[in-house]
Amino acid sequence: MSLMMLSPRLRQGVQSLALALLMAGITTASVKIFGWRLRPRRLPVTRVTERKSVPSLSNDQRLVPVSAEPPLPAAPSAQVATTIVHRKLSAGEMFAAVKQARARGDTTEALRLAKQIEEFFPNSPEGIDTHVTLGMLYLVVDQAELALQEFATFRRVGSPELKAEAYFGQAQALRKLARNDDERVVLRELILSYPRSVYVGAARTRLSELAVDAGER
């Protein structure tokens, strides 16, 4: 049916309806095609992380205690320093130093050096001969028991050249200890074993004194 056959009022209503349908179709199509642009844009979500607490520098001394520095080692005494020096000497050099100390009357130094020779060089010729030297030094400082031990040791291991001196030194130690009978035996052994020794005259004199003392009793 043609629109021209309708009345003007009806024809206007039909045109209005058609226009409304057309606009509705256009709107629907626009929504389908361009709908993504009409959606609200989502903002990115920012995660808020907790900040780790940083220790203050003011707590360093508490967290890492500082220990006190160790005390400095004390300087070695003069005696220790001297010992270190003499340990580097040979047995012969130390033995010569003992003789020098005895010659100048330094008994303390001579004793110290003689003990070191026995300690560091016990099997050397100087170490063996030092038993006699040390025995004589012990007699000077009134340590007769120690002197007796040194002389007895030398009589077992020493050279024949010094045994007469060891016999006489042993007799002197026994005299200091008032062991007269033992002293008499040692003196007689000295005279019998070493008749040409320089100690024989002194040994005979001492035997005579012992005989007189025994007669008085």
N, C-alpha and C. Protein backbone atom coordinates (compact mmCIF):
# COMPACT_ATOMS: atom_id res chain seq x y z
N MET A 1 0.86 -1.19 0.00
CA MET A 1 0.00 0.00 0.00
C MET A 1 0.89 1.22 0.00
N SER A 2 0.66 2.17 -0.82
CA SER A 2 1.46 3.38 -0.94
C SER A 2 1.05 4.37 0.14
N LEU A 3 2.09 5.10 0.62
CA LEU A 3 1.83 6.10 1.68
C LEU A 3 0.98 7.25 1.15
N MET A 4 0.99 7.42 -0.13
CA MET A 4 0.25 8.54 -0.69
C MET A 4 -1.24 8.31 -0.59
N MET A 5 -1.65 7.04 -0.46
CA MET A 5 -3.07 6.73 -0.40
C MET A 5 -3.59 6.96 1.01
N LEU A 6 -2.66 7.08 1.99
CA LEU A 6 -3.12 7.31 3.36
C LEU A 6 -3.39 8.77 3.57
N SER A 7 -4.12 8.99 4.65
CA SER A 7 -4.45 10.36 4.98
C SER A 7 -3.20 11.05 5.50
N PRO A 8 -3.11 12.31 5.40
CA PRO A 8 -1.90 13.02 5.85
C PRO A 8 -1.57 12.75 7.32
N ARG A 9 -2.56 12.67 8.12
CA ARG A 9 -2.28 12.45 9.58
C ARG A 9 -1.71 11.07 9.81
N LEU A 10 -2.30 10.05 9.14
CA LEU A 10 -1.83 8.67 9.30
C LEU A 10 -0.45 8.50 8.68
N ARG A 11 -0.28 9.18 7.53
CA ARG A 11 1.03 9.07 6.87
C ARG A 11 2.13 9.66 7.76
N GLN A 12 1.85 10.75 8.44
CA GLN A 12 2.85 11.36 9.33
C GLN A 12 3.17 10.43 10.49
N GLY A 13 2.16 9.71 10.98
CA GLY A 13 2.43 8.80 12.09
C GLY A 13 3.30 7.64 11.68
N VAL A 14 3.00 7.15 10.43
CA VAL A 14 3.83 6.02 9.95
C VAL A 14 5.28 6.45 9.77
N GLN A 15 5.48 7.66 9.22
CA GLN A 15 6.86 8.15 9.02
C GLN A 15 7.59 8.35 10.36
N SER A 16 6.84 8.84 11.32
CA SER A 16 7.48 9.04 12.64
C SER A 16 7.91 7.71 13.26
N LEU A 17 7.02 6.68 13.08
CA LEU A 17 7.37 5.37 13.63
C LEU A 17 8.58 4.78 12.93
N ALA A 18 8.61 4.93 11.61
CA ALA A 18 9.74 4.40 10.85
C ALA A 18 11.04 5.09 11.25
N LEU A 19 10.95 6.43 11.44
CA LEU A 19 12.15 7.15 11.87
C LEU A 19 12.63 6.71 13.25
N ALA A 20 11.63 6.45 14.12
CA ALA A 20 12.02 6.00 15.47
C ALA A 20 12.69 4.64 15.43
N LEU A 21 12.13 3.73 14.57
CA LEU A 21 12.74 2.39 14.44
C LEU A 21 14.15 2.47 13.86
N LEU A 22 14.29 3.41 12.91
CA LEU A 22 15.62 3.57 12.30
C LEU A 22 16.64 4.06 13.33
N MET A 23 16.28 5.02 14.09
CA MET A 23 17.20 5.55 15.11
C MET A 23 17.54 4.51 16.16
N ALA A 24 16.52 3.68 16.51
CA ALA A 24 16.79 2.62 17.50
C ALA A 24 17.78 1.60 16.96
N GLY A 25 17.60 1.27 15.65
CA GLY A 25 18.54 0.33 15.05
C GLY A 25 19.95 0.85 14.99
N ILE A 26 20.03 2.17 14.64
CA ILE A 26 21.38 2.77 14.57
C ILE A 26 22.06 2.78 15.95
N THR A 27 21.26 3.09 16.98
CA THR A 27 21.84 3.12 18.36
C THR A 27 22.32 1.75 18.79
N THR A 28 21.49 0.72 18.49
CA THR A 28 21.88 -0.65 18.87
C THR A 28 23.17 -1.06 18.18
N ALA A 29 23.25 -0.74 16.88
CA ALA A 29 24.47 -1.11 16.14
C ALA A 29 25.69 -0.38 16.68
N SER A 30 25.52 0.88 17.04
CA SER A 30 26.66 1.65 17.58
C SER A 30 27.16 1.07 18.90
N VAL A 31 26.18 0.62 19.70
CA VAL A 31 26.59 0.04 20.99
C VAL A 31 27.39 -1.24 20.78
N LYS A 32 26.96 -2.06 19.82
CA LYS A 32 27.68 -3.32 19.58
C LYS A 32 29.06 -3.09 19.01
N ILE A 33 29.13 -2.10 18.10
CA ILE A 33 30.42 -1.86 17.43
C ILE A 33 31.37 -1.07 18.32
N PHE A 34 30.88 -0.04 18.94
CA PHE A 34 31.76 0.86 19.70
C PHE A 34 31.57 0.75 21.21
N GLY A 35 31.01 -0.38 21.64
CA GLY A 35 30.71 -0.49 23.07
C GLY A 35 31.96 -0.51 23.95
N TRP A 36 33.11 -1.05 23.42
CA TRP A 36 34.34 -1.13 24.25
C TRP A 36 34.87 0.22 24.65
N ARG A 37 34.52 1.22 23.83
CA ARG A 37 34.98 2.57 24.17
C ARG A 37 34.14 3.21 25.25
N LEU A 38 32.91 2.67 25.37
CA LEU A 38 32.02 3.25 26.36
C LEU A 38 32.25 2.71 27.76
N ARG A 39 33.02 1.57 27.85
CA ARG A 39 33.27 1.01 29.18
C ARG A 39 34.25 1.87 29.95
N PRO A 40 34.01 2.04 31.22
CA PRO A 40 34.95 2.85 32.01
C PRO A 40 36.29 2.13 32.13
N ARG A 41 37.35 2.86 31.97
CA ARG A 41 38.72 2.32 32.03
C ARG A 41 39.12 2.06 33.48
N ARG A 42 39.57 0.82 33.69
CA ARG A 42 39.97 0.45 35.05
C ARG A 42 41.39 0.94 35.32
N LEU A 43 41.52 1.56 36.43
CA LEU A 43 42.84 2.03 36.84
C LEU A 43 43.63 0.89 37.47
N PRO A 44 44.94 0.80 37.21
CA PRO A 44 45.74 -0.27 37.82
C PRO A 44 45.79 -0.14 39.33
N VAL A 45 45.70 -1.30 39.94
CA VAL A 45 45.71 -1.34 41.41
C VAL A 45 47.15 -1.39 41.88
N THR A 46 47.51 -0.44 42.66
CA THR A 46 48.87 -0.38 43.20
C THR A 46 48.92 -1.02 44.58
N ARG A 47 49.76 -2.06 44.68
CA ARG A 47 49.88 -2.73 45.97
C ARG A 47 50.83 -1.97 46.87
N VAL A 48 50.34 -1.77 48.02
CA VAL A 48 51.15 -1.04 48.99
C VAL A 48 51.86 -2.06 49.87
N THR A 49 53.16 -2.13 49.74
CA THR A 49 53.96 -3.08 50.54
C THR A 49 54.53 -2.36 51.74
N GLU A 50 54.67 -3.13 52.75
CA GLU A 50 55.21 -2.56 53.98
C GLU A 50 56.71 -2.33 53.83
N ARG A 51 57.15 -1.21 54.22
CA ARG A 51 58.58 -0.91 54.19
C ARG A 51 59.28 -1.57 55.36
N LYS A 52 60.31 -2.26 54.99
CA LYS A 52 61.07 -2.91 56.07
C LYS A 52 61.78 -1.86 56.88
N SER A 53 61.70 -2.07 58.15
CA SER A 53 62.35 -1.10 59.03
C SER A 53 63.85 -1.28 58.95
N VAL A 54 64.55 -0.20 58.81
CA VAL A 54 66.00 -0.21 58.73
C VAL A 54 66.55 0.18 60.09
N PRO A 55 67.43 -0.68 60.65
CA PRO A 55 67.95 -0.33 61.98
C PRO A 55 68.74 0.95 61.95
N SER A 56 68.58 1.69 62.98
CA SER A 56 69.28 2.96 63.07
C SER A 56 70.74 2.73 63.38
N LEU A 57 71.58 3.60 62.87
CA LEU A 57 73.01 3.49 63.14
C LEU A 57 73.33 3.70 64.60
N SER A 58 72.40 4.33 65.29
CA SER A 58 72.65 4.56 66.72
C SER A 58 72.64 3.27 67.52
N ASN A 59 72.09 2.18 66.93
CA ASN A 59 72.03 0.89 67.64
C ASN A 59 73.20 -0.03 67.31
N ASP A 60 74.15 0.45 66.49
CA ASP A 60 75.26 -0.42 66.09
C ASP A 60 76.02 -0.95 67.28
N GLN A 61 76.31 -0.10 68.25
CA GLN A 61 77.09 -0.53 69.39
C GLN A 61 76.34 -1.57 70.20
N ARG A 62 75.01 -1.49 70.19
CA ARG A 62 74.23 -2.48 70.94
C ARG A 62 74.14 -3.79 70.19
N LEU A 63 73.98 -3.72 68.85
CA LEU A 63 73.84 -4.95 68.06
C LEU A 63 75.16 -5.68 67.92
N VAL A 64 76.24 -4.96 67.76
CA VAL A 64 77.57 -5.57 67.59
C VAL A 64 78.47 -5.02 68.67
N PRO A 65 78.48 -5.65 69.85
CA PRO A 65 79.33 -5.12 70.93
C PRO A 65 80.79 -5.21 70.56
N VAL A 66 81.52 -4.20 70.91
CA VAL A 66 82.94 -4.15 70.63
C VAL A 66 83.70 -4.62 71.85
N SER A 67 84.51 -5.70 71.67
CA SER A 67 85.28 -6.23 72.79
C SER A 67 86.53 -5.39 73.00
N ALA A 68 87.01 -5.43 74.23
CA ALA A 68 88.19 -4.65 74.55
C ALA A 68 89.42 -5.27 73.90
N GLU A 69 90.36 -4.43 73.50
CA GLU A 69 91.58 -4.92 72.88
C GLU A 69 92.42 -5.67 73.91
N PRO A 70 93.07 -6.79 73.48
CA PRO A 70 93.91 -7.52 74.44
C PRO A 70 95.10 -6.69 74.86
N PRO A 71 95.54 -6.87 76.09
CA PRO A 71 96.69 -6.08 76.55
C PRO A 71 97.94 -6.45 75.80
N LEU A 72 98.81 -5.48 75.63
CA LEU A 72 100.06 -5.74 74.94
C LEU A 72 100.95 -6.63 75.78
N PRO A 73 101.68 -7.57 75.14
CA PRO A 73 102.56 -8.44 75.93
C PRO A 73 103.64 -7.64 76.62
N ALA A 74 103.90 -8.03 77.83
CA ALA A 74 104.91 -7.32 78.60
C ALA A 74 106.28 -7.55 78.00
N ALA A 75 107.09 -6.54 78.09
CA ALA A 75 108.45 -6.65 77.56
C ALA A 75 109.22 -7.67 78.37
N PRO A 76 110.03 -8.52 77.73
CA PRO A 76 110.78 -9.55 78.46
C PRO A 76 111.75 -8.91 79.43
N SER A 77 111.86 -9.54 80.57
CA SER A 77 112.80 -9.03 81.57
C SER A 77 114.22 -9.19 81.08
N ALA A 78 115.12 -8.55 81.80
CA ALA A 78 116.53 -8.63 81.41
C ALA A 78 117.05 -10.05 81.48
N GLN A 79 116.57 -10.81 82.49
CA GLN A 79 117.04 -12.19 82.63
C GLN A 79 116.55 -13.05 81.47
N VAL A 80 115.26 -12.89 81.07
CA VAL A 80 114.74 -13.67 79.96
C VAL A 80 115.44 -13.30 78.68
N ALA A 81 115.65 -12.00 78.48
CA ALA A 81 116.33 -11.56 77.26
C ALA A 81 117.73 -12.14 77.19
N THR A 82 118.43 -12.18 78.32
CA THR A 82 119.77 -12.75 78.33
C THR A 82 119.73 -14.23 78.03
N THR A 83 118.69 -14.92 78.54
CA THR A 83 118.56 -16.35 78.27
C THR A 83 118.39 -16.60 76.78
N ILE A 84 117.57 -15.79 76.13
CA ILE A 84 117.34 -15.96 74.70
C ILE A 84 118.63 -15.78 73.92
N VAL A 85 119.41 -14.79 74.35
CA VAL A 85 120.66 -14.53 73.65
C VAL A 85 121.61 -15.71 73.80
N HIS A 86 121.76 -16.23 75.01
CA HIS A 86 122.72 -17.30 75.24
C HIS A 86 122.27 -18.62 74.65
N ARG A 87 121.00 -18.82 74.43
CA ARG A 87 120.54 -20.05 73.79
C ARG A 87 121.03 -20.13 72.36
N LYS A 88 121.35 -18.99 71.76
CA LYS A 88 121.84 -18.98 70.39
C LYS A 88 123.34 -19.23 70.33
N LEU A 89 124.03 -19.24 71.47
CA LEU A 89 125.46 -19.49 71.50
C LEU A 89 125.73 -20.98 71.43
N SER A 90 126.92 -21.32 71.02
CA SER A 90 127.33 -22.73 71.00
C SER A 90 127.70 -23.16 72.41
N ALA A 91 127.87 -24.48 72.57
CA ALA A 91 128.24 -25.00 73.89
C ALA A 91 129.60 -24.46 74.32
N GLY A 92 130.54 -24.38 73.38
CA GLY A 92 131.87 -23.87 73.71
C GLY A 92 131.84 -22.41 74.13
N GLU A 93 131.02 -21.61 73.43
CA GLU A 93 130.92 -20.19 73.76
C GLU A 93 130.30 -20.00 75.14
N MET A 94 129.29 -20.80 75.46
CA MET A 94 128.66 -20.69 76.77
C MET A 94 129.61 -21.14 77.87
N PHE A 95 130.38 -22.19 77.60
CA PHE A 95 131.34 -22.68 78.61
C PHE A 95 132.40 -21.61 78.88
N ALA A 96 132.84 -20.91 77.82
CA ALA A 96 133.79 -19.83 78.00
C ALA A 96 133.17 -18.69 78.80
N ALA A 97 131.88 -18.43 78.57
CA ALA A 97 131.20 -17.37 79.32
C ALA A 97 131.11 -17.72 80.80
N VAL A 98 130.94 -19.00 81.12
CA VAL A 98 130.92 -19.44 82.53
C VAL A 98 132.27 -19.15 83.18
N LYS A 99 133.36 -19.46 82.49
CA LYS A 99 134.70 -19.21 83.04
C LYS A 99 134.92 -17.72 83.27
N GLN A 100 134.47 -16.91 82.35
CA GLN A 100 134.62 -15.46 82.51
C GLN A 100 133.83 -14.95 83.71
N ALA A 101 132.60 -15.47 83.88
CA ALA A 101 131.79 -15.04 85.02
C ALA A 101 132.45 -15.45 86.34
N ARG A 102 133.01 -16.65 86.39
CA ARG A 102 133.71 -17.10 87.62
C ARG A 102 134.94 -16.25 87.88
N ALA A 103 135.63 -15.88 86.83
CA ALA A 103 136.86 -15.10 87.00
C ALA A 103 136.56 -13.71 87.57
N ARG A 104 135.46 -13.14 87.21
CA ARG A 104 135.13 -11.80 87.74
C ARG A 104 134.29 -11.87 89.02
N GLY A 105 134.09 -13.09 89.54
CA GLY A 105 133.39 -13.27 90.80
C GLY A 105 131.88 -13.21 90.70
N ASP A 106 131.32 -13.33 89.50
CA ASP A 106 129.87 -13.29 89.31
C ASP A 106 129.32 -14.72 89.38
N THR A 107 129.15 -15.20 90.61
CA THR A 107 128.71 -16.59 90.80
C THR A 107 127.28 -16.81 90.28
N THR A 108 126.42 -15.84 90.48
CA THR A 108 125.03 -15.98 90.03
C THR A 108 124.95 -16.18 88.51
N GLU A 109 125.69 -15.36 87.77
CA GLU A 109 125.69 -15.49 86.31
C GLU A 109 126.33 -16.79 85.87
N ALA A 110 127.40 -17.18 86.54
CA ALA A 110 128.07 -18.43 86.20
C ALA A 110 127.15 -19.63 86.43
N LEU A 111 126.40 -19.60 87.53
CA LEU A 111 125.44 -20.68 87.81
C LEU A 111 124.36 -20.75 86.73
N ARG A 112 123.85 -19.60 86.36
CA ARG A 112 122.77 -19.59 85.36
C ARG A 112 123.25 -20.15 84.02
N LEU A 113 124.42 -19.74 83.62
CA LEU A 113 124.95 -20.21 82.34
C LEU A 113 125.28 -21.70 82.38
N ALA A 114 125.84 -22.16 83.51
CA ALA A 114 126.18 -23.58 83.63
C ALA A 114 124.93 -24.45 83.57
N LYS A 115 123.85 -24.00 84.19
CA LYS A 115 122.59 -24.76 84.11
C LYS A 115 122.07 -24.82 82.68
N GLN A 116 122.24 -23.74 81.94
CA GLN A 116 121.79 -23.73 80.55
C GLN A 116 122.60 -24.69 79.70
N ILE A 117 123.88 -24.79 79.97
CA ILE A 117 124.70 -25.74 79.21
C ILE A 117 124.21 -27.16 79.44
N GLU A 118 123.94 -27.51 80.69
CA GLU A 118 123.44 -28.85 80.99
C GLU A 118 122.07 -29.09 80.35
N GLU A 119 121.26 -28.03 80.25
CA GLU A 119 119.92 -28.19 79.69
C GLU A 119 119.95 -28.30 78.17
N PHE A 120 120.74 -27.44 77.52
CA PHE A 120 120.71 -27.38 76.06
C PHE A 120 121.72 -28.31 75.39
N PHE A 121 122.82 -28.61 76.09
CA PHE A 121 123.88 -29.45 75.50
C PHE A 121 124.30 -30.54 76.49
N PRO A 122 123.39 -31.39 76.94
CA PRO A 122 123.72 -32.34 78.01
C PRO A 122 124.75 -33.40 77.61
N ASN A 123 124.80 -33.77 76.34
CA ASN A 123 125.70 -34.83 75.91
C ASN A 123 126.97 -34.32 75.25
N SER A 124 127.13 -33.02 75.17
CA SER A 124 128.35 -32.46 74.58
C SER A 124 129.48 -32.55 75.60
N PRO A 125 130.74 -32.48 75.14
CA PRO A 125 131.87 -32.47 76.10
C PRO A 125 131.74 -31.34 77.12
N GLU A 126 131.29 -30.17 76.67
CA GLU A 126 131.10 -29.05 77.60
C GLU A 126 129.98 -29.35 78.59
N GLY A 127 128.92 -30.00 78.11
CA GLY A 127 127.81 -30.34 79.00
C GLY A 127 128.24 -31.32 80.09
N ILE A 128 129.10 -32.26 79.74
CA ILE A 128 129.58 -33.23 80.74
C ILE A 128 130.54 -32.57 81.72
N ASP A 129 131.48 -31.77 81.20
CA ASP A 129 132.45 -31.11 82.09
C ASP A 129 131.77 -30.10 83.01
N THR A 130 130.62 -29.57 82.58
CA THR A 130 129.93 -28.58 83.39
C THR A 130 129.45 -29.17 84.72
N HIS A 131 129.31 -30.50 84.82
CA HIS A 131 128.91 -31.09 86.10
C HIS A 131 129.92 -30.73 87.19
N VAL A 132 131.20 -30.76 86.86
CA VAL A 132 132.23 -30.39 87.84
C VAL A 132 132.14 -28.90 88.15
N THR A 133 132.04 -28.08 87.10
CA THR A 133 131.96 -26.63 87.30
C THR A 133 130.74 -26.26 88.14
N LEU A 134 129.61 -26.86 87.80
CA LEU A 134 128.38 -26.54 88.54
C LEU A 134 128.47 -27.03 89.98
N GLY A 135 129.14 -28.17 90.20
CA GLY A 135 129.33 -28.65 91.57
C GLY A 135 130.14 -27.68 92.40
N MET A 136 131.21 -27.13 91.82
CA MET A 136 132.03 -26.16 92.54
C MET A 136 131.25 -24.87 92.82
N LEU A 137 130.42 -24.48 91.89
CA LEU A 137 129.61 -23.28 92.10
C LEU A 137 128.58 -23.49 93.20
N TYR A 138 128.00 -24.68 93.26
CA TYR A 138 127.05 -24.97 94.34
C TYR A 138 127.73 -24.95 95.70
N LEU A 139 128.99 -25.34 95.76
CA LEU A 139 129.73 -25.27 97.03
C LEU A 139 129.89 -23.82 97.47
N VAL A 140 130.10 -22.92 96.52
CA VAL A 140 130.30 -21.50 96.86
C VAL A 140 129.04 -20.92 97.48
N VAL A 141 127.87 -21.37 97.01
CA VAL A 141 126.60 -20.82 97.53
C VAL A 141 126.00 -21.72 98.61
N ASP A 142 126.81 -22.62 99.15
CA ASP A 142 126.40 -23.49 100.27
C ASP A 142 125.20 -24.38 99.93
N GLN A 143 125.20 -24.95 98.75
CA GLN A 143 124.19 -25.94 98.37
C GLN A 143 124.90 -27.28 98.16
N ALA A 144 125.30 -27.84 99.31
CA ALA A 144 126.16 -29.03 99.28
C ALA A 144 125.47 -30.24 98.66
N GLU A 145 124.18 -30.40 98.91
CA GLU A 145 123.47 -31.57 98.36
C GLU A 145 123.48 -31.54 96.83
N LEU A 146 123.21 -30.37 96.27
CA LEU A 146 123.23 -30.25 94.81
C LEU A 146 124.64 -30.45 94.27
N ALA A 147 125.63 -29.93 94.98
CA ALA A 147 127.02 -30.12 94.56
C ALA A 147 127.39 -31.60 94.56
N LEU A 148 126.95 -32.31 95.59
CA LEU A 148 127.26 -33.74 95.69
C LEU A 148 126.68 -34.51 94.50
N GLN A 149 125.48 -34.15 94.07
CA GLN A 149 124.86 -34.81 92.93
C GLN A 149 125.63 -34.55 91.64
N GLU A 150 126.11 -33.33 91.47
CA GLU A 150 126.85 -33.01 90.25
C GLU A 150 128.18 -33.77 90.20
N PHE A 151 128.88 -33.83 91.31
CA PHE A 151 130.16 -34.55 91.34
C PHE A 151 129.96 -36.05 91.13
N ALA A 152 128.92 -36.59 91.73
CA ALA A 152 128.65 -38.02 91.56
C ALA A 152 128.32 -38.34 90.11
N THR A 153 127.58 -37.46 89.46
CA THR A 153 127.25 -37.67 88.05
C THR A 153 128.50 -37.65 87.19
N PHE A 154 129.38 -36.70 87.46
CA PHE A 154 130.59 -36.62 86.64
C PHE A 154 131.48 -37.85 86.85
N ARG A 155 131.54 -38.37 88.05
CA ARG A 155 132.37 -39.55 88.30
C ARG A 155 131.89 -40.75 87.47
N ARG A 156 130.62 -40.77 87.09
CA ARG A 156 130.10 -41.87 86.27
C ARG A 156 130.36 -41.66 84.78
N VAL A 157 130.26 -40.42 84.31
CA VAL A 157 130.30 -40.19 82.86
C VAL A 157 131.44 -39.29 82.41
N GLY A 158 132.19 -38.69 83.34
CA GLY A 158 133.20 -37.71 82.98
C GLY A 158 134.51 -38.31 82.50
N SER A 159 135.36 -37.42 82.01
CA SER A 159 136.68 -37.82 81.52
C SER A 159 137.64 -38.01 82.69
N PRO A 160 138.64 -38.90 82.51
CA PRO A 160 139.60 -39.15 83.61
C PRO A 160 140.37 -37.88 84.02
N GLU A 161 140.56 -36.95 83.10
CA GLU A 161 141.35 -35.76 83.38
C GLU A 161 140.75 -34.90 84.50
N LEU A 162 139.45 -34.92 84.63
CA LEU A 162 138.79 -34.09 85.64
C LEU A 162 138.24 -34.88 86.82
N LYS A 163 138.42 -36.18 86.81
CA LYS A 163 137.83 -36.97 87.89
C LYS A 163 138.48 -36.70 89.23
N ALA A 164 139.75 -36.37 89.24
CA ALA A 164 140.41 -36.05 90.51
C ALA A 164 139.75 -34.81 91.13
N GLU A 165 139.44 -33.82 90.30
CA GLU A 165 138.76 -32.63 90.80
C GLU A 165 137.36 -32.97 91.30
N ALA A 166 136.69 -33.90 90.61
CA ALA A 166 135.35 -34.32 91.04
C ALA A 166 135.42 -35.05 92.38
N TYR A 167 136.45 -35.87 92.57
CA TYR A 167 136.62 -36.55 93.86
C TYR A 167 136.80 -35.54 94.98
N PHE A 168 137.68 -34.58 94.74
CA PHE A 168 137.96 -33.60 95.78
C PHE A 168 136.73 -32.73 96.06
N GLY A 169 136.01 -32.34 95.01
CA GLY A 169 134.78 -31.57 95.21
C GLY A 169 133.74 -32.37 95.98
N GLN A 170 133.65 -33.66 95.70
CA GLN A 170 132.71 -34.52 96.42
C GLN A 170 133.07 -34.59 97.90
N ALA A 171 134.35 -34.68 98.17
CA ALA A 171 134.80 -34.72 99.57
C ALA A 171 134.45 -33.42 100.28
N GLN A 172 134.59 -32.29 99.60
CA GLN A 172 134.23 -31.01 100.21
C GLN A 172 132.73 -30.92 100.50
N ALA A 173 131.92 -31.43 99.59
CA ALA A 173 130.48 -31.41 99.82
C ALA A 173 130.10 -32.28 101.01
N LEU A 174 130.74 -33.44 101.14
CA LEU A 174 130.48 -34.32 102.28
C LEU A 174 130.94 -33.67 103.59
N ARG A 175 132.02 -32.90 103.53
CA ARG A 175 132.49 -32.19 104.72
C ARG A 175 131.46 -31.16 105.17
N LYS A 176 130.86 -30.42 104.22
CA LYS A 176 129.84 -29.44 104.56
C LYS A 176 128.60 -30.11 105.17
N LEU A 177 128.35 -31.33 104.75
CA LEU A 177 127.18 -32.06 105.26
C LEU A 177 127.51 -32.86 106.53
N ALA A 178 128.76 -32.70 107.02
CA ALA A 178 129.22 -33.39 108.23
C ALA A 178 129.12 -34.91 108.10
N ARG A 179 129.37 -35.41 106.91
CA ARG A 179 129.38 -36.87 106.67
C ARG A 179 130.84 -37.31 106.63
N ASN A 180 131.48 -37.32 107.80
CA ASN A 180 132.93 -37.53 107.89
C ASN A 180 133.37 -38.90 107.40
N ASP A 181 132.61 -39.91 107.69
CA ASP A 181 133.01 -41.25 107.27
C ASP A 181 133.00 -41.36 105.74
N ASP A 182 131.96 -40.83 105.12
CA ASP A 182 131.91 -40.86 103.65
C ASP A 182 133.01 -39.97 103.06
N GLU A 183 133.30 -38.87 103.70
CA GLU A 183 134.36 -37.99 103.22
C GLU A 183 135.70 -38.71 103.26
N ARG A 184 135.97 -39.44 104.32
CA ARG A 184 137.23 -40.18 104.46
C ARG A 184 137.38 -41.21 103.33
N VAL A 185 136.29 -41.89 103.00
CA VAL A 185 136.34 -42.90 101.94
C VAL A 185 136.68 -42.26 100.59
N VAL A 186 136.06 -41.14 100.28
CA VAL A 186 136.31 -40.47 99.00
C VAL A 186 137.74 -39.95 98.92
N LEU A 187 138.27 -39.40 100.00
CA LEU A 187 139.64 -38.89 100.00
C LEU A 187 140.65 -40.02 99.77
N ARG A 188 140.43 -41.14 100.38
CA ARG A 188 141.32 -42.28 100.17
C ARG A 188 141.26 -42.79 98.74
N GLU A 189 140.08 -42.79 98.15
CA GLU A 189 139.94 -43.19 96.74
C GLU A 189 140.69 -42.21 95.84
N LEU A 190 140.63 -40.93 96.18
CA LEU A 190 141.33 -39.91 95.39
C LEU A 190 142.84 -40.16 95.42
N ILE A 191 143.39 -40.38 96.60
CA ILE A 191 144.84 -40.59 96.73
C ILE A 191 145.26 -41.87 96.02
N LEU A 192 144.44 -42.91 96.12
CA LEU A 192 144.79 -44.18 95.51
C LEU A 192 144.67 -44.14 93.98
N SER A 193 143.64 -43.50 93.46
CA SER A 193 143.39 -43.50 92.01
C SER A 193 144.22 -42.45 91.28
N TYR A 194 144.52 -41.33 91.94
CA TYR A 194 145.23 -40.24 91.27
C TYR A 194 146.36 -39.74 92.16
N PRO A 195 147.38 -40.55 92.34
CA PRO A 195 148.46 -40.20 93.28
C PRO A 195 149.26 -38.96 92.87
N ARG A 196 149.23 -38.59 91.57
CA ARG A 196 149.99 -37.43 91.10
C ARG A 196 149.10 -36.19 90.96
N SER A 197 147.89 -36.26 91.41
CA SER A 197 146.98 -35.13 91.28
C SER A 197 147.38 -33.99 92.20
N VAL A 198 147.08 -32.78 91.78
CA VAL A 198 147.39 -31.61 92.60
C VAL A 198 146.54 -31.60 93.86
N TYR A 199 145.50 -32.43 93.92
CA TYR A 199 144.61 -32.46 95.08
C TYR A 199 145.06 -33.47 96.13
N VAL A 200 146.12 -34.23 95.85
CA VAL A 200 146.55 -35.27 96.79
C VAL A 200 147.05 -34.66 98.09
N GLY A 201 147.83 -33.57 98.02
CA GLY A 201 148.35 -32.94 99.23
C GLY A 201 147.21 -32.47 100.13
N ALA A 202 146.22 -31.80 99.56
CA ALA A 202 145.09 -31.33 100.36
C ALA A 202 144.28 -32.50 100.90
N ALA A 203 144.22 -33.59 100.15
CA ALA A 203 143.47 -34.77 100.61
C ALA A 203 144.16 -35.41 101.80
N ARG A 204 145.51 -35.49 101.77
CA ARG A 204 146.23 -36.08 102.90
C ARG A 204 146.07 -35.22 104.16
N THR A 205 146.13 -33.91 103.97
CA THR A 205 145.98 -33.01 105.11
C THR A 205 144.60 -33.17 105.75
N ARG A 206 143.60 -33.28 104.92
CA ARG A 206 142.24 -33.43 105.46
C ARG A 206 142.07 -34.77 106.15
N LEU A 207 142.69 -35.83 105.63
CA LEU A 207 142.62 -37.14 106.29
C LEU A 207 143.25 -37.08 107.68
N SER A 208 144.33 -36.34 107.79
CA SER A 208 144.99 -36.20 109.10
C SER A 208 144.06 -35.48 110.08
N GLU A 209 143.39 -34.47 109.62
CA GLU A 209 142.46 -33.74 110.49
C GLU A 209 141.33 -34.67 110.94
N LEU A 210 140.85 -35.48 110.03
CA LEU A 210 139.77 -36.40 110.38
C LEU A 210 140.24 -37.44 111.39
N ALA A 211 141.51 -37.84 111.24
CA ALA A 211 142.04 -38.83 112.19
C ALA A 211 142.16 -38.22 113.59
N VAL A 212 142.61 -36.97 113.64
CA VAL A 212 142.71 -36.30 114.94
C VAL A 212 141.35 -36.15 115.58
N ASP A 213 140.36 -35.75 114.79
CA ASP A 213 139.00 -35.60 115.32
C ASP A 213 138.47 -36.92 115.83
N ALA A 214 138.77 -37.99 115.12
CA ALA A 214 138.29 -39.30 115.55
C ALA A 214 138.98 -39.75 116.82
N GLY A 215 140.29 -39.38 117.00
CA GLY A 215 141.02 -39.75 118.20
C GLY A 215 140.51 -39.00 119.39
N GLU A 216 140.12 -37.76 119.21
CA GLU A 216 139.61 -36.97 120.32
C GLU A 216 138.30 -37.52 120.85
N ARG A 217 137.52 -38.15 119.95
CA ARG A 217 136.26 -38.71 120.41
C ARG A 217 136.53 -39.93 121.31
